[in-house]
């Protein structure tokens, strides 16, 4: 983490004054009741999620928070309430996942080159290029996310070597995998999935995607996602 004392993880710019961004947003920590329960963090340390922060410059912190976190909070609520999500909301969900994946990758490889084309902020906030119609969001609701505990899950399930596309995990009552259309055949049958439209427009605000219950228990979801998402990630890496 030493490198990022002066270099923003989001835009790779040197700045004099950093802000602290929660890796897991405050709203999600509260939503899952994880405030008083520790998570695995940097170098395997167990910490409370509100102390798991990363250094971001002010502009990155504001942009990522305003454009992703507010909308994503409502999207998660709608999914869990059975209200469904729209094409444009599915895109926001994917972008939010890419943010988490990007931060995880940079933290694990501080000297690595995230991309020759974009930094994390540009990756998750700029208009999607020709890849948009190939992006797929697979979701499955978890019937019992608690499994006897007083909190709900909040974690990622795969790590990418090369691609910055595949992201998977379980947050609250929702299991998810972000992938491309050529990998749909590797999805477990537990998931229903939605493929983004070629372009983002006003028609994309209509609720079209209604995820179904795919798992009874959180551990069932976690174990299957780890196995399936790793295969999908390796296949995607091979094509880069």
C-alpha atoms as a PDB file:
ATOM      1  CA  UNK A   1       0.000   0.000   0.000  1.00  0.00           C
ATOM      2  CA  UNK A   2       3.069   2.250   0.287  1.00  0.00           C
ATOM      3  CA  UNK A   3       2.949   3.268  -3.385  1.00  0.00           C
ATOM      4  CA  UNK A   4      -0.569   4.630  -3.025  1.00  0.00           C
ATOM      5  CA  UNK A   5       0.275   7.105  -0.296  1.00  0.00           C
ATOM      6  CA  UNK A   6       0.966   9.613  -3.072  1.00  0.00           C
ATOM      7  CA  UNK A   7      -0.572   7.966  -6.137  1.00  0.00           C
ATOM      8  CA  UNK A   8      -4.354   7.672  -6.528  1.00  0.00           C
ATOM      9  CA  UNK A   9      -5.532   4.123  -7.205  1.00  0.00           C
ATOM     10  CA  UNK A  10      -8.369   5.453  -9.340  1.00  0.00           C
ATOM     11  CA  UNK A  11      -6.517   7.679 -11.813  1.00  0.00           C
ATOM     12  CA  UNK A  12      -2.802   6.956 -11.186  1.00  0.00           C
ATOM     13  CA  UNK A  13      -2.090  10.643 -10.627  1.00  0.00           C
ATOM     14  CA  UNK A  14       0.246  11.913  -7.924  1.00  0.00           C
ATOM     15  CA  UNK A  15      -1.634  14.081  -5.460  1.00  0.00           C
ATOM     16  CA  UNK A  16      -0.643  15.916  -2.307  1.00  0.00           C
ATOM     17  CA  UNK A  17      -3.769  15.140  -0.328  1.00  0.00           C
ATOM     18  CA  UNK A  18      -5.612  11.828  -0.468  1.00  0.00           C
ATOM     19  CA  UNK A  19      -9.074  10.923   0.703  1.00  0.00           C
ATOM     20  CA  UNK A  20      -9.998   7.563   2.175  1.00  0.00           C
ATOM     21  CA  UNK A  21     -12.524   5.532   0.213  1.00  0.00           C
ATOM     22  CA  UNK A  22     -14.175   2.508   1.807  1.00  0.00           C
ATOM     23  CA  UNK A  23     -13.512  -0.570  -0.317  1.00  0.00           C
ATOM     24  CA  UNK A  24     -16.930  -1.882   0.665  1.00  0.00           C
ATOM     25  CA  UNK A  25     -19.258   1.132   0.663  1.00  0.00           C
ATOM     26  CA  UNK A  26     -20.823   2.233   3.926  1.00  0.00           C
ATOM     27  CA  UNK A  27     -24.337   1.624   2.638  1.00  0.00           C
ATOM     28  CA  UNK A  28     -23.518  -2.029   1.837  1.00  0.00           C
ATOM     29  CA  UNK A  29     -21.798  -2.602   5.176  1.00  0.00           C
ATOM     30  CA  UNK A  30     -24.940  -1.344   6.909  1.00  0.00           C
ATOM     31  CA  UNK A  31     -27.250  -3.256   4.552  1.00  0.00           C
ATOM     32  CA  UNK A  32     -25.502  -6.560   5.322  1.00  0.00           C
ATOM     33  CA  UNK A  33     -25.172  -5.792   9.047  1.00  0.00           C
ATOM     34  CA  UNK A  34     -21.390  -6.276   8.787  1.00  0.00           C
ATOM     35  CA  UNK A  35     -20.348  -3.216  10.818  1.00  0.00           C
ATOM     36  CA  UNK A  36     -19.229  -5.217  13.870  1.00  0.00           C
ATOM     37  CA  UNK A  37     -17.906  -8.268  12.023  1.00  0.00           C
ATOM     38  CA  UNK A  38     -14.416  -8.587  10.595  1.00  0.00           C
ATOM     39  CA  UNK A  39     -13.485  -9.294   6.982  1.00  0.00           C
ATOM     40  CA  UNK A  40     -10.303 -10.518   5.305  1.00  0.00           C
ATOM     41  CA  UNK A  41      -8.295  -7.534   4.083  1.00  0.00           C
ATOM     42  CA  UNK A  42      -4.823  -6.496   2.937  1.00  0.00           C
ATOM     43  CA  UNK A  43      -2.272  -9.331   3.253  1.00  0.00           C
ATOM     44  CA  UNK A  44      -4.856 -11.551   4.927  1.00  0.00           C
ATOM     45  CA  UNK A  45      -5.416  -9.296   7.925  1.00  0.00           C
ATOM     46  CA  UNK A  46      -8.816  -9.472   9.613  1.00  0.00           C
ATOM     47  CA  UNK A  47     -10.304  -5.991   9.999  1.00  0.00           C
ATOM     48  CA  UNK A  48     -13.661  -4.321  10.480  1.00  0.00           C
ATOM     49  CA  UNK A  49     -15.037  -3.299   7.056  1.00  0.00           C
ATOM     50  CA  UNK A  50     -15.314   0.384   7.984  1.00  0.00           C
ATOM     51  CA  UNK A  51     -11.521   0.424   8.445  1.00  0.00           C
ATOM     52  CA  UNK A  52     -10.837  -1.237   5.073  1.00  0.00           C
ATOM     53  CA  UNK A  53     -10.067   1.894   3.064  1.00  0.00           C
ATOM     54  CA  UNK A  54      -8.068   2.767  -0.036  1.00  0.00           C
ATOM     55  CA  UNK A  55      -6.467   6.087  -1.023  1.00  0.00           C
ATOM     56  CA  UNK A  56      -8.295   8.066  -3.702  1.00  0.00           C
ATOM     57  CA  UNK A  57      -7.912  11.631  -4.849  1.00  0.00           C
ATOM     58  CA  UNK A  58     -10.875  13.915  -4.209  1.00  0.00           C
ATOM     59  CA  UNK A  59     -12.187  13.957  -7.814  1.00  0.00           C
ATOM     60  CA  UNK A  60     -12.093  10.152  -8.086  1.00  0.00           C
ATOM     61  CA  UNK A  61     -13.795   9.690  -4.731  1.00  0.00           C
ATOM     62  CA  UNK A  62     -16.570  12.106  -5.645  1.00  0.00           C
ATOM     63  CA  UNK A  63     -17.093  10.771  -9.190  1.00  0.00           C
ATOM     64  CA  UNK A  64     -17.181   7.100  -8.236  1.00  0.00           C
ATOM     65  CA  UNK A  65     -19.441   7.772  -5.280  1.00  0.00           C
ATOM     66  CA  UNK A  66     -21.972   9.960  -7.054  1.00  0.00           C
ATOM     67  CA  UNK A  67     -22.200   7.976 -10.295  1.00  0.00           C
ATOM     68  CA  UNK A  68     -22.105   4.446  -8.892  1.00  0.00           C
ATOM     69  CA  UNK A  69     -22.840   4.106  -5.183  1.00  0.00           C
ATOM     70  CA  UNK A  70     -26.160   5.932  -4.988  1.00  0.00           C
ATOM     71  CA  UNK A  71     -27.686   4.134  -7.978  1.00  0.00           C
ATOM     72  CA  UNK A  72     -26.227   0.764  -6.944  1.00  0.00           C
ATOM     73  CA  UNK A  73     -27.804   0.956  -3.506  1.00  0.00           C
ATOM     74  CA  UNK A  74     -31.253   1.305  -5.076  1.00  0.00           C
ATOM     75  CA  UNK A  75     -30.516  -1.390  -7.676  1.00  0.00           C
ATOM     76  CA  UNK A  76     -29.639  -3.937  -4.986  1.00  0.00           C
ATOM     77  CA  UNK A  77     -32.785  -3.082  -3.053  1.00  0.00           C
ATOM     78  CA  UNK A  78     -34.921  -3.505  -6.185  1.00  0.00           C
ATOM     79  CA  UNK A  79     -33.370  -6.892  -6.994  1.00  0.00           C
ATOM     80  CA  UNK A  80     -33.953  -8.217  -3.483  1.00  0.00           C
ATOM     81  CA  UNK A  81     -37.512  -6.865  -3.459  1.00  0.00           C
ATOM     82  CA  UNK A  82     -38.386  -8.587  -6.737  1.00  0.00           C
ATOM     83  CA  UNK A  83     -38.786  -5.304  -8.621  1.00  0.00           C
ATOM     84  CA  UNK A  84     -36.268  -6.218 -11.300  1.00  0.00           C
ATOM     85  CA  UNK A  85     -33.684  -4.040 -13.017  1.00  0.00           C
ATOM     86  CA  UNK A  86     -33.386  -2.302 -16.352  1.00  0.00           C
ATOM     87  CA  UNK A  87     -30.760  -2.453 -19.092  1.00  0.00           C
ATOM     88  CA  UNK A  88     -29.181   0.776 -17.873  1.00  0.00           C
ATOM     89  CA  UNK A  89     -29.211  -0.454 -14.284  1.00  0.00           C
ATOM     90  CA  UNK A  90     -27.556  -3.708 -15.356  1.00  0.00           C
ATOM     91  CA  UNK A  91     -24.765  -1.597 -16.852  1.00  0.00           C
ATOM     92  CA  UNK A  92     -24.341   0.298 -13.578  1.00  0.00           C
ATOM     93  CA  UNK A  93     -24.175  -3.014 -11.697  1.00  0.00           C
ATOM     94  CA  UNK A  94     -21.408  -4.185 -14.064  1.00  0.00           C
ATOM     95  CA  UNK A  95     -19.486  -0.929 -13.704  1.00  0.00           C
ATOM     96  CA  UNK A  96     -19.749  -1.133  -9.897  1.00  0.00           C
ATOM     97  CA  UNK A  97     -18.347  -4.670 -10.024  1.00  0.00           C
ATOM     98  CA  UNK A  98     -15.494  -3.494 -12.249  1.00  0.00           C
ATOM     99  CA  UNK A  99     -14.623  -0.867  -9.652  1.00  0.00           C
ATOM    100  CA  UNK A 100     -14.258  -3.528  -6.951  1.00  0.00           C
ATOM    101  CA  UNK A 101     -12.285  -5.809  -9.251  1.00  0.00           C
ATOM    102  CA  UNK A 102      -9.982  -2.952 -10.279  1.00  0.00           C
ATOM    103  CA  UNK A 103      -9.293  -1.908  -6.702  1.00  0.00           C
ATOM    104  CA  UNK A 104      -8.604  -5.533  -5.720  1.00  0.00           C
ATOM    105  CA  UNK A 105      -6.196  -5.993  -8.622  1.00  0.00           C
ATOM    106  CA  UNK A 106      -4.278  -2.787  -7.867  1.00  0.00           C
ATOM    107  CA  UNK A 107      -3.992  -3.613  -4.168  1.00  0.00           C
ATOM    108  CA  UNK A 108      -2.666  -7.092  -4.882  1.00  0.00           C
ATOM    109  CA  UNK A 109      -0.245  -5.848  -7.557  1.00  0.00           C
ATOM    110  CA  UNK A 110       0.724  -2.279  -6.657  1.00  0.00           C
ATOM    111  CA  UNK A 111       3.587  -2.213  -9.163  1.00  0.00           C
ATOM    112  CA  UNK A 112       1.576  -3.902 -11.915  1.00  0.00           C
ATOM    113  CA  UNK A 113       0.188  -2.236 -15.029  1.00  0.00           C
ATOM    114  CA  UNK A 114      -3.593  -2.265 -14.790  1.00  0.00           C
ATOM    115  CA  UNK A 115      -4.029  -1.309 -18.440  1.00  0.00           C
ATOM    116  CA  UNK A 116      -2.257   0.432 -21.333  1.00  0.00           C
ATOM    117  CA  UNK A 117      -5.574   1.977 -22.348  1.00  0.00           C
ATOM    118  CA  UNK A 118      -7.339   3.263 -19.230  1.00  0.00           C
ATOM    119  CA  UNK A 119      -7.144   3.749 -15.487  1.00  0.00           C
ATOM    120  CA  UNK A 120      -9.794   2.415 -13.111  1.00  0.00           C
ATOM    121  CA  UNK A 121     -11.835   5.612 -13.036  1.00  0.00           C
ATOM    122  CA  UNK A 122     -12.011   5.786 -16.845  1.00  0.00           C
ATOM    123  CA  UNK A 123     -12.746   2.079 -17.037  1.00  0.00           C
ATOM    124  CA  UNK A 124     -15.814   2.270 -14.836  1.00  0.00           C
ATOM    125  CA  UNK A 125     -17.174   5.714 -15.719  1.00  0.00           C
ATOM    126  CA  UNK A 126     -16.493   6.437 -19.400  1.00  0.00           C
ATOM    127  CA  UNK A 127     -18.976   5.399 -22.088  1.00  0.00           C
ATOM    128  CA  UNK A 128     -18.675   1.734 -23.000  1.00  0.00           C
ATOM    129  CA  UNK A 129     -17.236   0.950 -26.413  1.00  0.00           C
ATOM    130  CA  UNK A 130     -18.088  -1.931 -28.745  1.00  0.00           C
ATOM    131  CA  UNK A 131     -17.954  -4.408 -25.874  1.00  0.00           C
ATOM    132  CA  UNK A 132     -21.325  -3.286 -24.465  1.00  0.00           C
ATOM    133  CA  UNK A 133     -23.559  -5.710 -26.442  1.00  0.00           C
ATOM    134  CA  UNK A 134     -21.268  -8.575 -25.420  1.00  0.00           C
ATOM    135  CA  UNK A 135     -21.548  -7.941 -21.693  1.00  0.00           C
ATOM    136  CA  UNK A 136     -23.684 -10.266 -19.603  1.00  0.00           C
ATOM    137  CA  UNK A 137     -24.865  -9.886 -16.015  1.00  0.00           C
ATOM    138  CA  UNK A 138     -25.793 -13.196 -14.386  1.00  0.00           C
ATOM    139  CA  UNK A 139     -27.709 -13.039 -11.093  1.00  0.00           C
ATOM    140  CA  UNK A 140     -29.237 -15.481  -8.635  1.00  0.00           C
ATOM    141  CA  UNK A 141     -31.000 -14.776  -5.361  1.00  0.00           C
ATOM    142  CA  UNK A 142     -29.951 -16.641  -2.215  1.00  0.00           C
ATOM    143  CA  UNK A 143     -32.903 -17.866  -0.157  1.00  0.00           C
ATOM    144  CA  UNK A 144     -30.975 -18.040   3.139  1.00  0.00           C
ATOM    145  CA  UNK A 145     -28.000 -15.657   3.083  1.00  0.00           C
ATOM    146  CA  UNK A 146     -27.664 -15.662   6.887  1.00  0.00           C
ATOM    147  CA  UNK A 147     -27.152 -19.386   7.579  1.00  0.00           C
ATOM    148  CA  UNK A 148     -27.495 -18.837  11.303  1.00  0.00           C
ATOM    149  CA  UNK A 149     -25.370 -15.698  11.499  1.00  0.00           C
ATOM    150  CA  UNK A 150     -26.625 -12.175  12.176  1.00  0.00           C
ATOM    151  CA  UNK A 151     -25.035 -10.730   9.031  1.00  0.00           C
ATOM    152  CA  UNK A 152     -25.310 -11.310   5.303  1.00  0.00           C
ATOM    153  CA  UNK A 153     -22.376 -12.048   2.936  1.00  0.00           C
ATOM    154  CA  UNK A 154     -20.264  -9.405   1.251  1.00  0.00           C
ATOM    155  CA  UNK A 155     -17.373 -10.684  -0.873  1.00  0.00           C
ATOM    156  CA  UNK A 156     -15.768 -11.342  -4.254  1.00  0.00           C
ATOM    157  CA  UNK A 157     -15.124 -14.855  -5.523  1.00  0.00           C
ATOM    158  CA  UNK A 158     -12.536 -14.681  -8.328  1.00  0.00           C
ATOM    159  CA  UNK A 159      -9.302 -12.985  -9.347  1.00  0.00           C
ATOM    160  CA  UNK A 160      -8.287 -12.114 -12.920  1.00  0.00           C
ATOM    161  CA  UNK A 161      -4.774 -12.407 -14.298  1.00  0.00           C
ATOM    162  CA  UNK A 162      -5.318 -10.392 -17.495  1.00  0.00           C
ATOM    163  CA  UNK A 163      -8.924  -9.491 -18.240  1.00  0.00           C
ATOM    164  CA  UNK A 164     -10.732  -6.697 -16.432  1.00  0.00           C
ATOM    165  CA  UNK A 165     -14.175  -8.048 -17.272  1.00  0.00           C
ATOM    166  CA  UNK A 166     -15.060 -11.101 -15.192  1.00  0.00           C
ATOM    167  CA  UNK A 167     -16.195 -10.346 -11.642  1.00  0.00           C
ATOM    168  CA  UNK A 168     -18.137 -12.603  -9.291  1.00  0.00           C
ATOM    169  CA  UNK A 169     -19.281 -12.706  -5.706  1.00  0.00           C
ATOM    170  CA  UNK A 170     -22.166 -12.618  -3.273  1.00  0.00           C
ATOM    171  CA  UNK A 171     -23.479  -9.393  -1.762  1.00  0.00           C
ATOM    172  CA  UNK A 172     -26.349  -9.622   0.681  1.00  0.00           C
ATOM    173  CA  UNK A 173     -28.968 -11.860  -0.975  1.00  0.00           C
ATOM    174  CA  UNK A 174     -27.558 -11.593  -4.514  1.00  0.00           C
ATOM    175  CA  UNK A 175     -25.011 -13.874  -6.185  1.00  0.00           C
ATOM    176  CA  UNK A 176     -23.514 -12.418  -9.361  1.00  0.00           C
ATOM    177  CA  UNK A 177     -21.125 -13.062 -12.241  1.00  0.00           C
ATOM    178  CA  UNK A 178     -20.119 -10.498 -14.874  1.00  0.00           C
ATOM    179  CA  UNK A 179     -18.966 -12.107 -18.119  1.00  0.00           C
ATOM    180  CA  UNK A 180     -19.073 -11.923 -21.907  1.00  0.00           C
ATOM    181  CA  UNK A 181     -21.603 -13.624 -24.154  1.00  0.00           C
ATOM    182  CA  UNK A 182     -19.160 -16.280 -25.394  1.00  0.00           C
ATOM    183  CA  UNK A 183     -18.866 -17.643 -21.817  1.00  0.00           C
ATOM    184  CA  UNK A 184     -22.588 -18.020 -21.087  1.00  0.00           C
ATOM    185  CA  UNK A 185     -22.304 -21.750 -21.692  1.00  0.00           C
ATOM    186  CA  UNK A 186     -20.107 -21.998 -18.593  1.00  0.00           C
ATOM    187  CA  UNK A 187     -22.717 -20.425 -16.319  1.00  0.00           C
ATOM    188  CA  UNK A 188     -24.272 -22.708 -13.687  1.00  0.00           C
ATOM    189  CA  UNK A 189     -27.979 -23.340 -14.264  1.00  0.00           C
ATOM    190  CA  UNK A 190     -28.672 -21.609 -10.942  1.00  0.00           C
ATOM    191  CA  UNK A 191     -28.303 -18.249 -12.671  1.00  0.00           C
ATOM    192  CA  UNK A 192     -30.563 -16.228 -14.906  1.00  0.00           C
ATOM    193  CA  UNK A 193     -28.747 -13.707 -17.056  1.00  0.00           C
ATOM    194  CA  UNK A 194     -29.225 -10.525 -19.016  1.00  0.00           C
ATOM    195  CA  UNK A 195     -27.192  -9.388 -22.042  1.00  0.00           C
ATOM    196  CA  UNK A 196     -26.824  -5.631 -22.497  1.00  0.00           C
ATOM    197  CA  UNK A 197     -28.335  -3.882 -25.523  1.00  0.00           C
ATOM    198  CA  UNK A 198     -25.952  -2.504 -28.186  1.00  0.00           C
ATOM    199  CA  UNK A 199     -26.462   1.082 -27.046  1.00  0.00           C
ATOM    200  CA  UNK A 200     -27.585   2.861 -23.897  1.00  0.00           C
ATOM    201  CA  UNK A 201     -30.718   4.974 -24.379  1.00  0.00           C
ATOM    202  CA  UNK A 202     -33.927   6.115 -22.674  1.00  0.00           C
ATOM    203  CA  UNK A 203     -35.673   2.854 -23.557  1.00  0.00           C
ATOM    204  CA  UNK A 204     -33.101   1.149 -21.373  1.00  0.00           C
ATOM    205  CA  UNK A 205     -34.816   2.410 -18.214  1.00  0.00           C
ATOM    206  CA  UNK A 206     -37.626  -0.138 -18.489  1.00  0.00           C
ATOM    207  CA  UNK A 207     -37.492  -2.984 -15.952  1.00  0.00           C
ATOM    208  CA  UNK A 208     -36.774  -6.108 -18.006  1.00  0.00           C
ATOM    209  CA  UNK A 209     -34.681  -8.448 -15.874  1.00  0.00           C
ATOM    210  CA  UNK A 210     -36.167 -10.254 -12.873  1.00  0.00           C
ATOM    211  CA  UNK A 211     -33.590 -12.540 -11.206  1.00  0.00           C
ATOM    212  CA  UNK A 212     -34.881 -15.698  -9.531  1.00  0.00           C
ATOM    213  CA  UNK A 213     -33.881 -17.701  -6.476  1.00  0.00           C
ATOM    214  CA  UNK A 214     -30.981 -19.903  -7.525  1.00  0.00           C
ATOM    215  CA  UNK A 215     -29.460 -20.996  -4.228  1.00  0.00           C
ATOM    216  CA  UNK A 216     -30.841 -22.070  -0.867  1.00  0.00           C
ATOM    217  CA  UNK A 217     -27.680 -21.301   1.122  1.00  0.00           C
ATOM    218  CA  UNK A 218     -24.893 -18.732   0.853  1.00  0.00           C
ATOM    219  CA  UNK A 219     -22.141 -21.346   1.114  1.00  0.00           C
ATOM    220  CA  UNK A 220     -23.690 -23.251  -1.784  1.00  0.00           C
ATOM    221  CA  UNK A 221     -23.569 -20.094  -3.893  1.00  0.00           C
ATOM    222  CA  UNK A 222     -20.032 -19.153  -2.846  1.00  0.00           C
ATOM    223  CA  UNK A 223     -18.512 -22.545  -3.612  1.00  0.00           C
ATOM    224  CA  UNK A 224     -20.148 -22.918  -7.023  1.00  0.00           C
ATOM    225  CA  UNK A 225     -19.361 -19.337  -8.054  1.00  0.00           C
ATOM    226  CA  UNK A 226     -15.680 -19.690  -7.142  1.00  0.00           C
ATOM    227  CA  UNK A 227     -15.359 -22.750  -9.346  1.00  0.00           C
ATOM    228  CA  UNK A 228     -17.403 -21.475 -12.291  1.00  0.00           C
ATOM    229  CA  UNK A 229     -16.084 -17.902 -12.315  1.00  0.00           C
ATOM    230  CA  UNK A 230     -12.482 -19.068 -12.274  1.00  0.00           C
ATOM    231  CA  UNK A 231     -13.096 -21.158 -15.382  1.00  0.00           C
ATOM    232  CA  UNK A 232     -14.809 -18.212 -17.063  1.00  0.00           C
ATOM    233  CA  UNK A 233     -11.980 -15.872 -16.079  1.00  0.00           C
ATOM    234  CA  UNK A 234      -9.252 -18.215 -17.368  1.00  0.00           C
ATOM    235  CA  UNK A 235     -11.119 -18.682 -20.653  1.00  0.00           C
ATOM    236  CA  UNK A 236     -11.443 -14.919 -21.001  1.00  0.00           C
ATOM    237  CA  UNK A 237      -7.744 -14.415 -20.206  1.00  0.00           C
ATOM    238  CA  UNK A 238      -6.815 -16.896 -22.941  1.00  0.00           C
ATOM    239  CA  UNK A 239      -8.575 -14.754 -25.546  1.00  0.00           C
ATOM    240  CA  UNK A 240      -6.673 -11.577 -24.666  1.00  0.00           C
END
